[in-house]
Amino acid sequence: MSTSNIATNTTTRIKQIVQGMAASDGAGVKLKRVLGQPSLKRLDPFLMLDEFGSEDAQDYIAGFPKHPHRGFQTVTYMLNGKMGHKDSTGNEGVIEDGGLQWMNAGKGIIHEEIPMQIEGKMRGFQLWVNLPAAEKMSAPGYQDIPTANIPELSSEKGSLIRVLAGNYEGQEGAVTTQAVKPQFFDFHLVANESLTVATQNTHNGFLYVYEGELEVAGKKLKKGELGVLDFTNELVLDTKVETRVILVSGEPINEPIVQYGPFVMNSQEEINQALRDFQQGVLA
């Protein structure tokens, strides 16, 4: 990782803990909304984090039928299951266990995400990442990354670090998005681990524990909790039990945000234009 922005003061701490809340989206898919709820509306440049997960097909089988996006990027990270996607520009593919899709909606896209299974566990995350004004009308596009193409590192104690985006100890992540360059790491931590992670003090970011629990600077973070981080020096992840946690961080954009559902722009007029374009069939 570049050391130009690495802080040198005290250990990174958790400044807010947020509990995910039950929600549904698409055609009734049950999920947990973690970021993008009253307790934590946004964390620039991140707009939303949902965790979806169930072994009951009725909770996910209807999927996410055709819907539009403009002005941001969507990230789908599948822990378990198989999700197909296709869109108005002719792209289609499948995200499977451990795979990642990073979609740039840019100036506009209409897509659908439909489960490619009728039974078994489906679990994963969807993250929304804002785009700066200069990139909001960029060309739409995808990076579909199978699990085999996601770099993995191991700690001395045997913990696994999956580098989805950003740079972890010199290892570049699988994602090469240019507009926003976030960090997105998935840690599979063994019991009694104390893992030190270099941080960037200009970033906003969070941890989200999806299995087990950990401590950061003496503050406990349990399964289903998101910890908003106050980045200073390195981040130390301490565990007593096996734990899985994602770390997401990025440089804040610091621009006005006007959001209307799946459209995220900088002004109301731009939202009005997005709605007109969608109604007239010229969104993409």
C-alpha atoms as a PDB file:
ATOM      1  CA  MET A   1       0.000   0.000   0.000  1.00  0.00           C
ATOM      2  CA  SER A   2       1.167   3.527  -0.706  1.00  0.00           C
ATOM      3  CA  THR A   3       2.477   5.083   2.500  1.00  0.00           C
ATOM      4  CA  SER A   4       1.772   8.676   1.489  1.00  0.00           C
ATOM      5  CA  ASN A   5      -1.557   8.783   3.358  1.00  0.00           C
ATOM      6  CA  ILE A   6      -0.831   6.332   6.154  1.00  0.00           C
ATOM      7  CA  ALA A   7      -1.397   7.934   9.522  1.00  0.00           C
ATOM      8  CA  THR A   8       1.231   7.920  12.263  1.00  0.00           C
ATOM      9  CA  ASN A   9      -0.639   8.840  15.443  1.00  0.00           C
ATOM     10  CA  THR A  10      -2.808   6.412  17.408  1.00  0.00           C
ATOM     11  CA  THR A  11      -4.595   3.165  16.661  1.00  0.00           C
ATOM     12  CA  THR A  12      -7.714   3.344  14.490  1.00  0.00           C
ATOM     13  CA  ARG A  13     -10.895   3.152  16.587  1.00  0.00           C
ATOM     14  CA  ILE A  14     -14.600   2.513  16.108  1.00  0.00           C
ATOM     15  CA  LYS A  15     -16.580   5.742  16.495  1.00  0.00           C
ATOM     16  CA  GLN A  16     -20.093   4.402  15.836  1.00  0.00           C
ATOM     17  CA  ILE A  17     -21.735   0.979  15.899  1.00  0.00           C
ATOM     18  CA  VAL A  18     -24.769   0.370  13.687  1.00  0.00           C
ATOM     19  CA  GLN A  19     -27.072  -2.651  13.741  1.00  0.00           C
ATOM     20  CA  GLY A  20     -28.454  -3.859  10.422  1.00  0.00           C
ATOM     21  CA  MET A  21     -32.218  -3.592  10.061  1.00  0.00           C
ATOM     22  CA  ALA A  22     -34.635  -5.932   8.284  1.00  0.00           C
ATOM     23  CA  ALA A  23     -35.747  -4.740   4.846  1.00  0.00           C
ATOM     24  CA  SER A  24     -36.779  -6.045   1.446  1.00  0.00           C
ATOM     25  CA  ASP A  25     -35.960  -4.985  -2.090  1.00  0.00           C
ATOM     26  CA  GLY A  26     -36.483  -6.074  -5.666  1.00  0.00           C
ATOM     27  CA  ALA A  27     -39.461  -8.424  -5.890  1.00  0.00           C
ATOM     28  CA  GLY A  28     -39.562  -8.982  -2.133  1.00  0.00           C
ATOM     29  CA  VAL A  29     -36.052 -10.289  -1.479  1.00  0.00           C
ATOM     30  CA  LYS A  30     -35.491 -10.303   2.289  1.00  0.00           C
ATOM     31  CA  LEU A  31     -32.287  -8.588   3.374  1.00  0.00           C
ATOM     32  CA  LYS A  32     -30.569  -6.629   6.104  1.00  0.00           C
ATOM     33  CA  ARG A  33     -29.927  -2.937   5.375  1.00  0.00           C
ATOM     34  CA  VAL A  34     -26.792  -1.886   7.200  1.00  0.00           C
ATOM     35  CA  LEU A  35     -25.740   1.353   5.503  1.00  0.00           C
ATOM     36  CA  GLY A  36     -28.498   3.505   4.016  1.00  0.00           C
ATOM     37  CA  GLN A  37     -30.837   3.415   7.038  1.00  0.00           C
ATOM     38  CA  PRO A  38     -31.784   6.058   9.641  1.00  0.00           C
ATOM     39  CA  SER A  39     -28.842   5.294  11.954  1.00  0.00           C
ATOM     40  CA  LEU A  40     -26.320   5.680   9.122  1.00  0.00           C
ATOM     41  CA  LYS A  41     -27.760   7.229   5.995  1.00  0.00           C
ATOM     42  CA  ARG A  42     -24.490   7.470   4.051  1.00  0.00           C
ATOM     43  CA  LEU A  43     -20.736   7.340   4.593  1.00  0.00           C
ATOM     44  CA  ASP A  44     -19.189   9.275   1.703  1.00  0.00           C
ATOM     45  CA  PRO A  45     -18.406   7.811  -0.840  1.00  0.00           C
ATOM     46  CA  PHE A  46     -20.607   4.847   0.176  1.00  0.00           C
ATOM     47  CA  LEU A  47     -24.365   5.071  -0.235  1.00  0.00           C
ATOM     48  CA  MET A  48     -25.681   1.681   0.853  1.00  0.00           C
ATOM     49  CA  LEU A  49     -24.685  -1.738   2.151  1.00  0.00           C
ATOM     50  CA  ASP A  50     -27.158  -4.620   2.147  1.00  0.00           C
ATOM     51  CA  GLU A  51     -26.529  -8.140   3.382  1.00  0.00           C
ATOM     52  CA  PHE A  52     -28.812 -10.762   1.872  1.00  0.00           C
ATOM     53  CA  GLY A  53     -28.840 -14.328   3.076  1.00  0.00           C
ATOM     54  CA  SER A  54     -31.243 -17.224   3.478  1.00  0.00           C
ATOM     55  CA  GLU A  55     -31.532 -20.980   3.024  1.00  0.00           C
ATOM     56  CA  ASP A  56     -35.239 -20.555   2.226  1.00  0.00           C
ATOM     57  CA  ALA A  57     -35.647 -19.991  -1.513  1.00  0.00           C
ATOM     58  CA  GLN A  58     -38.882 -18.085  -0.918  1.00  0.00           C
ATOM     59  CA  ASP A  59     -36.795 -15.300   0.626  1.00  0.00           C
ATOM     60  CA  TYR A  60     -34.790 -14.714  -2.562  1.00  0.00           C
ATOM     61  CA  ILE A  61     -36.206 -16.599  -5.543  1.00  0.00           C
ATOM     62  CA  ALA A  62     -38.033 -13.608  -7.094  1.00  0.00           C
ATOM     63  CA  GLY A  63     -34.754 -11.707  -7.312  1.00  0.00           C
ATOM     64  CA  PHE A  64     -34.411  -8.181  -8.615  1.00  0.00           C
ATOM     65  CA  PRO A  65     -36.384  -7.696 -11.868  1.00  0.00           C
ATOM     66  CA  LYS A  66     -35.510  -4.977 -14.385  1.00  0.00           C
ATOM     67  CA  HIS A  67     -34.667  -1.660 -12.736  1.00  0.00           C
ATOM     68  CA  PRO A  68     -32.629   1.421 -13.678  1.00  0.00           C
ATOM     69  CA  HIS A  69     -29.519   3.040 -12.187  1.00  0.00           C
ATOM     70  CA  ARG A  70     -27.641   6.255 -12.869  1.00  0.00           C
ATOM     71  CA  GLY A  71     -24.772   8.111 -11.215  1.00  0.00           C
ATOM     72  CA  PHE A  72     -23.027   5.492  -9.069  1.00  0.00           C
ATOM     73  CA  GLN A  73     -21.528   1.998  -8.974  1.00  0.00           C
ATOM     74  CA  THR A  74     -23.012  -1.203  -7.573  1.00  0.00           C
ATOM     75  CA  VAL A  75     -20.912  -3.985  -6.091  1.00  0.00           C
ATOM     76  CA  THR A  76     -22.294  -7.501  -5.616  1.00  0.00           C
ATOM     77  CA  TYR A  77     -20.168  -9.925  -3.600  1.00  0.00           C
ATOM     78  CA  MET A  78     -21.530 -13.459  -3.430  1.00  0.00           C
ATOM     79  CA  LEU A  79     -20.550 -15.541  -0.417  1.00  0.00           C
ATOM     80  CA  ASN A  80     -22.816 -18.455  -1.334  1.00  0.00           C
ATOM     81  CA  GLY A  81     -25.099 -19.091  -4.274  1.00  0.00           C
ATOM     82  CA  LYS A  82     -25.504 -18.245  -7.924  1.00  0.00           C
ATOM     83  CA  MET A  83     -26.987 -14.999  -9.280  1.00  0.00           C
ATOM     84  CA  GLY A  84     -27.497 -14.267 -12.967  1.00  0.00           C
ATOM     85  CA  HIS A  85     -27.585 -10.764 -14.425  1.00  0.00           C
ATOM     86  CA  LYS A  86     -28.286  -9.074 -17.742  1.00  0.00           C
ATOM     87  CA  ASP A  87     -28.834  -5.483 -18.816  1.00  0.00           C
ATOM     88  CA  SER A  88     -29.982  -3.036 -21.471  1.00  0.00           C
ATOM     89  CA  THR A  89     -26.518  -2.808 -23.058  1.00  0.00           C
ATOM     90  CA  GLY A  90     -26.350  -6.526 -23.843  1.00  0.00           C
ATOM     91  CA  ASN A  91     -24.157  -7.670 -20.962  1.00  0.00           C
ATOM     92  CA  GLU A  92     -25.028 -10.842 -19.099  1.00  0.00           C
ATOM     93  CA  GLY A  93     -23.286 -13.246 -16.789  1.00  0.00           C
ATOM     94  CA  VAL A  94     -23.415 -15.207 -13.541  1.00  0.00           C
ATOM     95  CA  ILE A  95     -21.898 -14.426 -10.131  1.00  0.00           C
ATOM     96  CA  GLU A  96     -21.119 -17.575  -8.128  1.00  0.00           C
ATOM     97  CA  ASP A  97     -19.698 -18.528  -4.694  1.00  0.00           C
ATOM     98  CA  GLY A  98     -16.941 -16.086  -3.739  1.00  0.00           C
ATOM     99  CA  GLY A  99     -17.293 -14.058  -6.951  1.00  0.00           C
ATOM    100  CA  LEU A 100     -17.649 -10.324  -7.385  1.00  0.00           C
ATOM    101  CA  GLN A 101     -19.369  -7.982  -9.798  1.00  0.00           C
ATOM    102  CA  TRP A 102     -18.440  -4.298  -9.924  1.00  0.00           C
ATOM    103  CA  MET A 103     -20.883  -2.400 -12.136  1.00  0.00           C
ATOM    104  CA  ASN A 104     -20.503   1.190 -13.247  1.00  0.00           C
ATOM    105  CA  ALA A 105     -24.020   2.481 -13.885  1.00  0.00           C
ATOM    106  CA  GLY A 106     -22.633   5.831 -15.079  1.00  0.00           C
ATOM    107  CA  LYS A 107     -25.034   7.659 -17.389  1.00  0.00           C
ATOM    108  CA  GLY A 108     -27.581   4.904 -17.103  1.00  0.00           C
ATOM    109  CA  ILE A 109     -28.336   1.234 -17.277  1.00  0.00           C
ATOM    110  CA  ILE A 110     -31.367  -1.011 -16.829  1.00  0.00           C
ATOM    111  CA  HIS A 111     -30.524  -4.405 -15.445  1.00  0.00           C
ATOM    112  CA  GLU A 112     -31.945  -7.389 -13.626  1.00  0.00           C
ATOM    113  CA  GLU A 113     -30.470  -9.849 -11.131  1.00  0.00           C
ATOM    114  CA  ILE A 114     -32.187 -13.218 -10.885  1.00  0.00           C
ATOM    115  CA  PRO A 115     -31.151 -16.229  -8.746  1.00  0.00           C
ATOM    116  CA  MET A 116     -29.904 -19.181 -10.790  1.00  0.00           C
ATOM    117  CA  GLN A 117     -30.927 -21.665  -8.108  1.00  0.00           C
ATOM    118  CA  ILE A 118     -34.221 -22.843  -6.664  1.00  0.00           C
ATOM    119  CA  GLU A 119     -32.911 -24.219  -3.376  1.00  0.00           C
ATOM    120  CA  GLY A 120     -29.945 -23.938  -1.025  1.00  0.00           C
ATOM    121  CA  LYS A 121     -28.220 -21.036   0.666  1.00  0.00           C
ATOM    122  CA  MET A 122     -27.830 -17.692  -1.041  1.00  0.00           C
ATOM    123  CA  ARG A 123     -25.773 -15.097   0.827  1.00  0.00           C
ATOM    124  CA  GLY A 124     -23.830 -12.004  -0.069  1.00  0.00           C
ATOM    125  CA  PHE A 125     -23.557  -8.239  -0.057  1.00  0.00           C
ATOM    126  CA  GLN A 126     -24.512  -5.356  -2.268  1.00  0.00           C
ATOM    127  CA  LEU A 127     -22.585  -2.120  -1.836  1.00  0.00           C
ATOM    128  CA  TRP A 128     -23.374   1.171  -3.591  1.00  0.00           C
ATOM    129  CA  VAL A 129     -20.410   3.452  -4.282  1.00  0.00           C
ATOM    130  CA  ASN A 130     -21.012   7.053  -5.346  1.00  0.00           C
ATOM    131  CA  LEU A 131     -19.373   8.611  -8.398  1.00  0.00           C
ATOM    132  CA  PRO A 132     -17.895  12.127  -8.567  1.00  0.00           C
ATOM    133  CA  ALA A 133     -19.795  14.633 -10.707  1.00  0.00           C
ATOM    134  CA  ALA A 134     -17.250  14.320 -13.523  1.00  0.00           C
ATOM    135  CA  GLU A 135     -17.963  10.578 -13.801  1.00  0.00           C
ATOM    136  CA  LYS A 136     -21.713  10.418 -13.240  1.00  0.00           C
ATOM    137  CA  MET A 137     -22.449  10.394 -16.983  1.00  0.00           C
ATOM    138  CA  SER A 138     -19.628   7.988 -17.850  1.00  0.00           C
ATOM    139  CA  ALA A 139     -20.199   4.926 -20.029  1.00  0.00           C
ATOM    140  CA  PRO A 140     -21.758   1.992 -18.167  1.00  0.00           C
ATOM    141  CA  GLY A 141     -19.744  -1.179 -17.773  1.00  0.00           C
ATOM    142  CA  TYR A 142     -18.981  -4.268 -15.699  1.00  0.00           C
ATOM    143  CA  GLN A 143     -16.195  -6.178 -14.110  1.00  0.00           C
ATOM    144  CA  ASP A 144     -17.313  -9.758 -13.476  1.00  0.00           C
ATOM    145  CA  ILE A 145     -14.647 -11.426 -11.335  1.00  0.00           C
ATOM    146  CA  PRO A 146     -14.815 -15.157 -10.498  1.00  0.00           C
ATOM    147  CA  THR A 147     -13.560 -16.266  -7.101  1.00  0.00           C
ATOM    148  CA  ALA A 148     -10.418 -17.808  -8.643  1.00  0.00           C
ATOM    149  CA  ASN A 149      -9.327 -14.344  -9.809  1.00  0.00           C
ATOM    150  CA  ILE A 150      -9.552 -12.689  -6.379  1.00  0.00           C
ATOM    151  CA  PRO A 151      -6.088 -12.542  -4.751  1.00  0.00           C
ATOM    152  CA  GLU A 152      -5.779 -14.182  -1.338  1.00  0.00           C
ATOM    153  CA  LEU A 153      -3.118 -13.736   1.319  1.00  0.00           C
ATOM    154  CA  SER A 154      -2.518 -15.506   4.627  1.00  0.00           C
ATOM    155  CA  SER A 155      -1.404 -14.186   8.006  1.00  0.00           C
ATOM    156  CA  GLU A 156       1.241 -15.953  10.086  1.00  0.00           C
ATOM    157  CA  LYS A 157      -1.522 -17.560  12.172  1.00  0.00           C
ATOM    158  CA  GLY A 158      -3.420 -18.743   9.112  1.00  0.00           C
ATOM    159  CA  SER A 159      -6.096 -16.102   8.659  1.00  0.00           C
ATOM    160  CA  LEU A 160      -7.183 -15.534   5.051  1.00  0.00           C
ATOM    161  CA  ILE A 161      -7.391 -12.075   3.476  1.00  0.00           C
ATOM    162  CA  ARG A 162      -9.285 -11.746   0.186  1.00  0.00           C
ATOM    163  CA  VAL A 163      -8.244  -8.561  -1.662  1.00  0.00           C
ATOM    164  CA  LEU A 164     -11.293  -7.554  -3.675  1.00  0.00           C
ATOM    165  CA  ALA A 165     -10.303  -3.923  -4.291  1.00  0.00           C
ATOM    166  CA  GLY A 166      -7.459  -1.640  -3.259  1.00  0.00           C
ATOM    167  CA  ASN A 167      -4.017  -2.663  -2.095  1.00  0.00           C
ATOM    168  CA  TYR A 168      -3.192  -4.927   0.844  1.00  0.00           C
ATOM    169  CA  GLU A 169       0.497  -5.125   1.752  1.00  0.00           C
ATOM    170  CA  GLY A 170       1.503  -4.608  -1.865  1.00  0.00           C
ATOM    171  CA  GLN A 171      -1.082  -6.982  -3.326  1.00  0.00           C
ATOM    172  CA  GLU A 172      -3.408  -5.220  -5.762  1.00  0.00           C
ATOM    173  CA  GLY A 173      -7.044  -6.224  -5.596  1.00  0.00           C
ATOM    174  CA  ALA A 174      -9.111  -7.759  -8.369  1.00  0.00           C
ATOM    175  CA  VAL A 175     -11.065  -4.567  -9.150  1.00  0.00           C
ATOM    176  CA  THR A 176      -9.532  -1.920 -11.399  1.00  0.00           C
ATOM    177  CA  THR A 177     -12.228   0.762 -11.238  1.00  0.00           C
ATOM    178  CA  GLN A 178     -10.721   4.201 -11.831  1.00  0.00           C
ATOM    179  CA  ALA A 179     -13.391   6.746 -10.866  1.00  0.00           C
ATOM    180  CA  VAL A 180     -13.362   5.837  -7.169  1.00  0.00           C
ATOM    181  CA  LYS A 181     -10.534   3.725  -5.764  1.00  0.00           C
ATOM    182  CA  PRO A 182     -11.898   2.139  -2.594  1.00  0.00           C
ATOM    183  CA  GLN A 183     -10.483  -0.633  -0.474  1.00  0.00           C
ATOM    184  CA  PHE A 184     -12.602  -3.752  -0.053  1.00  0.00           C
ATOM    185  CA  PHE A 185     -11.111  -6.648   1.922  1.00  0.00           C
ATOM    186  CA  ASP A 186     -12.760  -9.821   3.235  1.00  0.00           C
ATOM    187  CA  PHE A 187     -11.026 -11.252   6.310  1.00  0.00           C
ATOM    188  CA  HIS A 188     -11.504 -14.876   7.391  1.00  0.00           C
ATOM    189  CA  LEU A 189      -9.850 -14.643  10.803  1.00  0.00           C
ATOM    190  CA  VAL A 190      -8.777 -17.584  12.928  1.00  0.00           C
ATOM    191  CA  ALA A 191      -9.375 -17.625  16.696  1.00  0.00           C
ATOM    192  CA  ASN A 192      -6.919 -15.649  18.842  1.00  0.00           C
ATOM    193  CA  GLU A 193      -5.727 -13.548  15.905  1.00  0.00           C
ATOM    194  CA  SER A 194      -4.299 -10.039  16.245  1.00  0.00           C
ATOM    195  CA  LEU A 195      -4.014  -8.716  12.713  1.00  0.00           C
ATOM    196  CA  THR A 196      -2.578  -5.288  11.964  1.00  0.00           C
ATOM    197  CA  VAL A 197      -3.878  -3.550   8.838  1.00  0.00           C
ATOM    198  CA  ALA A 198      -2.358  -0.349   7.401  1.00  0.00           C
ATOM    199  CA  THR A 199      -4.953   2.403   6.945  1.00  0.00           C
ATOM    200  CA  GLN A 200      -5.300   5.678   5.065  1.00  0.00           C
ATOM    201  CA  ASN A 201      -6.233   8.573   7.311  1.00  0.00           C
ATOM    202  CA  THR A 202      -8.004  10.509   4.521  1.00  0.00           C
ATOM    203  CA  HIS A 203     -10.547   7.712   4.027  1.00  0.00           C
ATOM    204  CA  ASN A 204     -13.998   7.094   5.397  1.00  0.00           C
ATOM    205  CA  GLY A 205     -14.716   3.450   6.080  1.00  0.00           C
ATOM    206  CA  PHE A 206     -16.252   0.670   8.115  1.00  0.00           C
ATOM    207  CA  LEU A 207     -16.007  -2.908   9.302  1.00  0.00           C
ATOM    208  CA  TYR A 208     -18.971  -5.265   9.062  1.00  0.00           C
ATOM    209  CA  VAL A 209     -18.882  -8.551  10.973  1.00  0.00           C
ATOM    210  CA  TYR A 210     -20.871 -11.303   9.265  1.00  0.00           C
ATOM    211  CA  GLU A 211     -19.645 -14.234  11.378  1.00  0.00           C
ATOM    212  CA  GLY A 212     -18.168 -14.302  14.889  1.00  0.00           C
ATOM    213  CA  GLU A 213     -16.993 -11.173  16.706  1.00  0.00           C
ATOM    214  CA  LEU A 214     -13.854  -9.092  17.154  1.00  0.00           C
ATOM    215  CA  GLU A 215     -12.384  -6.179  19.072  1.00  0.00           C
ATOM    216  CA  VAL A 216     -10.896  -2.957  17.746  1.00  0.00           C
ATOM    217  CA  ALA A 217      -9.013  -0.822  20.290  1.00  0.00           C
ATOM    218  CA  GLY A 218     -10.994  -2.457  23.103  1.00  0.00           C
ATOM    219  CA  LYS A 219     -14.430  -2.023  21.510  1.00  0.00           C
ATOM    220  CA  LYS A 220     -16.326  -5.196  20.606  1.00  0.00           C
ATOM    221  CA  LEU A 221     -18.063  -5.647  17.259  1.00  0.00           C
ATOM    222  CA  LYS A 222     -20.511  -8.554  17.006  1.00  0.00           C
ATOM    223  CA  LYS A 223     -22.111 -10.443  14.141  1.00  0.00           C
ATOM    224  CA  GLY A 224     -24.533  -8.198  12.248  1.00  0.00           C
ATOM    225  CA  GLU A 225     -22.897  -4.968  13.457  1.00  0.00           C
ATOM    226  CA  LEU A 226     -21.140  -2.319  11.383  1.00  0.00           C
ATOM    227  CA  GLY A 227     -18.411  -0.242  12.985  1.00  0.00           C
ATOM    228  CA  VAL A 228     -17.705   3.189  11.485  1.00  0.00           C
ATOM    229  CA  LEU A 229     -13.960   3.737  11.730  1.00  0.00           C
ATOM    230  CA  ASP A 230     -11.987   6.768  12.849  1.00  0.00           C
ATOM    231  CA  PHE A 231      -8.830   6.209  10.825  1.00  0.00           C
ATOM    232  CA  THR A 232      -5.601   7.319  12.426  1.00  0.00           C
ATOM    233  CA  ASN A 233      -2.764   4.818  12.521  1.00  0.00           C
ATOM    234  CA  GLU A 234      -3.022   1.120  11.721  1.00  0.00           C
ATOM    235  CA  LEU A 235      -6.142  -0.886  12.412  1.00  0.00           C
ATOM    236  CA  VAL A 236      -5.735  -3.887  14.751  1.00  0.00           C
ATOM    237  CA  LEU A 237      -8.297  -6.699  14.523  1.00  0.00           C
ATOM    238  CA  ASP A 238      -8.331  -8.902  17.652  1.00  0.00           C
ATOM    239  CA  THR A 239     -10.342 -12.129  17.814  1.00  0.00           C
ATOM    240  CA  LYS A 240     -11.055 -14.838  20.345  1.00  0.00           C
ATOM    241  CA  VAL A 241     -13.220 -16.917  17.978  1.00  0.00           C
ATOM    242  CA  GLU A 242     -13.214 -17.549  14.238  1.00  0.00           C
ATOM    243  CA  THR A 243     -14.586 -14.411  12.604  1.00  0.00           C
ATOM    244  CA  ARG A 244     -15.443 -13.121   9.155  1.00  0.00           C
ATOM    245  CA  VAL A 245     -15.500  -9.399   8.529  1.00  0.00           C
ATOM    246  CA  ILE A 246     -15.349  -7.052   5.567  1.00  0.00           C
ATOM    247  CA  LEU A 247     -13.381  -3.798   5.617  1.00  0.00           C
ATOM    248  CA  VAL A 248     -14.474  -1.107   3.161  1.00  0.00           C
ATOM    249  CA  SER A 249     -12.938   2.358   2.882  1.00  0.00           C
ATOM    250  CA  GLY A 250     -12.600   5.154   0.352  1.00  0.00           C
ATOM    251  CA  GLU A 251     -11.730   8.792  -0.224  1.00  0.00           C
ATOM    252  CA  PRO A 252     -14.791  10.993   0.383  1.00  0.00           C
ATOM    253  CA  ILE A 253     -16.030  12.843  -2.711  1.00  0.00           C
ATOM    254  CA  ASN A 254     -17.386  15.840  -0.743  1.00  0.00           C
ATOM    255  CA  GLU A 255     -20.009  16.845  -3.309  1.00  0.00           C
ATOM    256  CA  PRO A 256     -23.763  17.443  -2.946  1.00  0.00           C
ATOM    257  CA  ILE A 257     -25.893  14.293  -3.164  1.00  0.00           C
ATOM    258  CA  VAL A 258     -29.475  14.250  -4.410  1.00  0.00           C
ATOM    259  CA  GLN A 259     -30.927  10.750  -4.509  1.00  0.00           C
ATOM    260  CA  TYR A 260     -34.193   9.484  -5.879  1.00  0.00           C
ATOM    261  CA  GLY A 261     -34.256   5.707  -5.488  1.00  0.00           C
ATOM    262  CA  PRO A 262     -31.844   4.240  -8.061  1.00  0.00           C
ATOM    263  CA  PHE A 263     -30.667   7.652  -9.330  1.00  0.00           C
ATOM    264  CA  VAL A 264     -27.887   9.449  -7.428  1.00  0.00           C
ATOM    265  CA  MET A 265     -26.870  12.821  -8.807  1.00  0.00           C
ATOM    266  CA  ASN A 266     -25.668  16.251  -7.592  1.00  0.00           C
ATOM    267  CA  SER A 267     -28.803  18.346  -8.161  1.00  0.00           C
ATOM    268  CA  GLN A 268     -32.583  18.026  -8.361  1.00  0.00           C
ATOM    269  CA  GLU A 269     -32.509  19.057 -12.017  1.00  0.00           C
ATOM    270  CA  GLU A 270     -30.191  16.135 -12.785  1.00  0.00           C
ATOM    271  CA  ILE A 271     -32.629  13.811 -11.014  1.00  0.00           C
ATOM    272  CA  ASN A 272     -35.512  15.267 -13.024  1.00  0.00           C
ATOM    273  CA  GLN A 273     -33.515  14.662 -16.205  1.00  0.00           C
ATOM    274  CA  ALA A 274     -32.811  11.062 -15.178  1.00  0.00           C
ATOM    275  CA  LEU A 275     -36.538  10.486 -14.648  1.00  0.00           C
ATOM    276  CA  ARG A 276     -37.353  12.031 -18.047  1.00  0.00           C
ATOM    277  CA  ASP A 277     -34.708   9.912 -19.734  1.00  0.00           C
ATOM    278  CA  PHE A 278     -36.041   6.769 -18.077  1.00  0.00           C
ATOM    279  CA  GLN A 279     -39.648   7.559 -19.004  1.00  0.00           C
ATOM    280  CA  GLN A 280     -38.606   8.258 -22.603  1.00  0.00           C
ATOM    281  CA  GLY A 281     -36.572   5.065 -22.841  1.00  0.00           C
ATOM    282  CA  VAL A 282     -33.224   6.812 -23.357  1.00  0.00           C
ATOM    283  CA  LEU A 283     -31.629   6.209 -19.932  1.00  0.00           C
ATOM    284  CA  ALA A 284     -28.830   3.927 -21.125  1.00  0.00           C
END
